[in-house]
Amino acid sequence: MMRRRGPCPWVGMLLVIVGGLIILSMILPKDFWWFILGGAMIGAGLYLMRR
């Protein structure tokens, strides 16, 4: 059986991720977020180079 999805599954996924980041930002220290930003930039750069 195929699972039925809404009209914009990417919007829902984005909202879940942003909500999780907002909750984590209240808990984790600021130094952690610089580490995550650096990792995200490296990951985005690798993705763009492979594309």
N, C-alpha and C. Protein backbone atom coordinates (compact mmCIF):
# COMPACT_ATOMS: atom_id res chain seq x y z
N MET A 1 0.84 -1.19 0.00
CA MET A 1 0.00 0.00 0.00
C MET A 1 0.88 1.25 0.00
N MET A 2 0.48 2.18 -0.77
CA MET A 2 1.20 3.46 -0.82
C MET A 2 0.66 4.36 0.28
N ARG A 3 1.59 5.03 0.95
CA ARG A 3 1.18 5.96 1.98
C ARG A 3 0.79 7.28 1.34
N ARG A 4 -0.29 7.81 1.74
CA ARG A 4 -0.78 9.06 1.16
C ARG A 4 -0.11 10.24 1.85
N ARG A 5 0.37 11.15 1.07
CA ARG A 5 1.05 12.33 1.62
C ARG A 5 0.25 13.57 1.30
N GLY A 6 0.52 14.60 2.08
CA GLY A 6 -0.15 15.88 1.87
C GLY A 6 0.41 16.58 0.64
N PRO A 7 -0.10 17.77 0.36
CA PRO A 7 0.32 18.49 -0.85
C PRO A 7 1.76 18.99 -0.79
N CYS A 8 2.29 19.23 0.40
CA CYS A 8 3.65 19.77 0.53
C CYS A 8 4.41 19.01 1.62
N PRO A 9 4.91 17.82 1.33
CA PRO A 9 5.63 17.07 2.38
C PRO A 9 6.91 17.77 2.82
N TRP A 10 7.54 18.56 1.92
CA TRP A 10 8.78 19.25 2.29
C TRP A 10 8.53 20.36 3.31
N VAL A 11 7.38 21.01 3.22
CA VAL A 11 7.06 22.08 4.16
C VAL A 11 6.87 21.48 5.55
N GLY A 12 6.18 20.37 5.63
CA GLY A 12 5.99 19.70 6.92
C GLY A 12 7.31 19.25 7.52
N MET A 13 8.18 18.69 6.69
CA MET A 13 9.49 18.25 7.17
C MET A 13 10.30 19.44 7.66
N LEU A 14 10.25 20.55 6.93
CA LEU A 14 10.97 21.75 7.34
C LEU A 14 10.46 22.27 8.68
N LEU A 15 9.15 22.27 8.87
CA LEU A 15 8.59 22.76 10.12
C LEU A 15 8.99 21.88 11.30
N VAL A 16 9.03 20.57 11.10
CA VAL A 16 9.46 19.67 12.17
C VAL A 16 10.92 19.92 12.53
N ILE A 17 11.77 20.10 11.53
CA ILE A 17 13.19 20.34 11.79
C ILE A 17 13.40 21.67 12.50
N VAL A 18 12.73 22.72 12.04
CA VAL A 18 12.87 24.03 12.66
C VAL A 18 12.36 24.00 14.10
N GLY A 19 11.25 23.33 14.33
CA GLY A 19 10.73 23.21 15.69
C GLY A 19 11.70 22.50 16.61
N GLY A 20 12.31 21.43 16.11
CA GLY A 20 13.31 20.72 16.91
C GLY A 20 14.52 21.58 17.21
N LEU A 21 14.95 22.37 16.23
CA LEU A 21 16.09 23.27 16.46
C LEU A 21 15.77 24.34 17.49
N ILE A 22 14.55 24.84 17.47
CA ILE A 22 14.15 25.87 18.44
C ILE A 22 14.15 25.29 19.84
N ILE A 23 13.63 24.08 20.00
CA ILE A 23 13.63 23.46 21.32
C ILE A 23 15.06 23.18 21.79
N LEU A 24 15.91 22.68 20.89
CA LEU A 24 17.30 22.41 21.27
C LEU A 24 18.06 23.69 21.59
N SER A 25 17.72 24.78 20.92
CA SER A 25 18.44 26.04 21.18
C SER A 25 18.18 26.56 22.59
N MET A 26 17.08 26.17 23.19
CA MET A 26 16.80 26.58 24.57
C MET A 26 17.61 25.76 25.57
N ILE A 27 18.06 24.57 25.16
CA ILE A 27 18.72 23.66 26.08
C ILE A 27 20.24 23.70 25.96
N LEU A 28 20.74 23.69 24.72
CA LEU A 28 22.17 23.53 24.48
C LEU A 28 22.92 24.86 24.50
N PRO A 29 24.21 24.84 24.88
CA PRO A 29 25.00 26.08 24.93
C PRO A 29 25.34 26.62 23.55
N LYS A 30 25.77 27.88 23.51
CA LYS A 30 26.04 28.55 22.23
C LYS A 30 27.22 27.94 21.49
N ASP A 31 28.22 27.45 22.17
CA ASP A 31 29.38 26.86 21.50
C ASP A 31 28.98 25.65 20.66
N PHE A 32 28.01 24.91 21.11
CA PHE A 32 27.53 23.75 20.37
C PHE A 32 26.98 24.16 19.01
N TRP A 33 26.28 25.30 18.98
CA TRP A 33 25.66 25.73 17.72
C TRP A 33 26.68 26.16 16.69
N TRP A 34 27.83 26.70 17.12
CA TRP A 34 28.90 27.03 16.17
C TRP A 34 29.45 25.75 15.56
N PHE A 35 29.58 24.71 16.36
CA PHE A 35 30.05 23.42 15.87
C PHE A 35 29.07 22.86 14.84
N ILE A 36 27.77 22.92 15.11
CA ILE A 36 26.74 22.43 14.19
C ILE A 36 26.75 23.27 12.90
N LEU A 37 26.90 24.58 13.01
CA LEU A 37 26.94 25.44 11.83
C LEU A 37 28.13 25.08 10.94
N GLY A 38 29.29 24.85 11.54
CA GLY A 38 30.46 24.45 10.76
C GLY A 38 30.22 23.11 10.06
N GLY A 39 29.64 22.15 10.77
CA GLY A 39 29.34 20.86 10.16
C GLY A 39 28.33 20.97 9.04
N ALA A 40 27.34 21.82 9.21
CA ALA A 40 26.33 22.01 8.17
C ALA A 40 26.94 22.65 6.93
N MET A 41 27.85 23.60 7.13
CA MET A 41 28.49 24.25 5.99
C MET A 41 29.39 23.27 5.23
N ILE A 42 30.10 22.42 5.95
CA ILE A 42 30.93 21.40 5.31
C ILE A 42 30.05 20.43 4.53
N GLY A 43 28.96 20.00 5.14
CA GLY A 43 28.04 19.09 4.47
C GLY A 43 27.42 19.70 3.23
N ALA A 44 27.03 20.98 3.31
CA ALA A 44 26.45 21.66 2.14
C ALA A 44 27.50 21.81 1.04
N GLY A 45 28.73 22.11 1.41
CA GLY A 45 29.80 22.23 0.42
C GLY A 45 30.06 20.91 -0.29
N LEU A 46 30.10 19.81 0.46
CA LEU A 46 30.29 18.50 -0.15
C LEU A 46 29.13 18.13 -1.06
N TYR A 47 27.93 18.45 -0.63
CA TYR A 47 26.75 18.17 -1.46
C TYR A 47 26.81 18.94 -2.78
N LEU A 48 27.19 20.22 -2.71
CA LEU A 48 27.27 21.02 -3.92
C LEU A 48 28.40 20.59 -4.84
N MET A 49 29.52 20.11 -4.27
CA MET A 49 30.61 19.65 -5.11
C MET A 49 30.27 18.34 -5.82
N ARG A 50 29.50 17.48 -5.19
CA ARG A 50 29.12 16.21 -5.80
C ARG A 50 28.01 16.37 -6.82
N ARG A 51 27.27 17.43 -6.72
CA ARG A 51 26.12 17.66 -7.59
C ARG A 51 26.50 18.00 -8.96
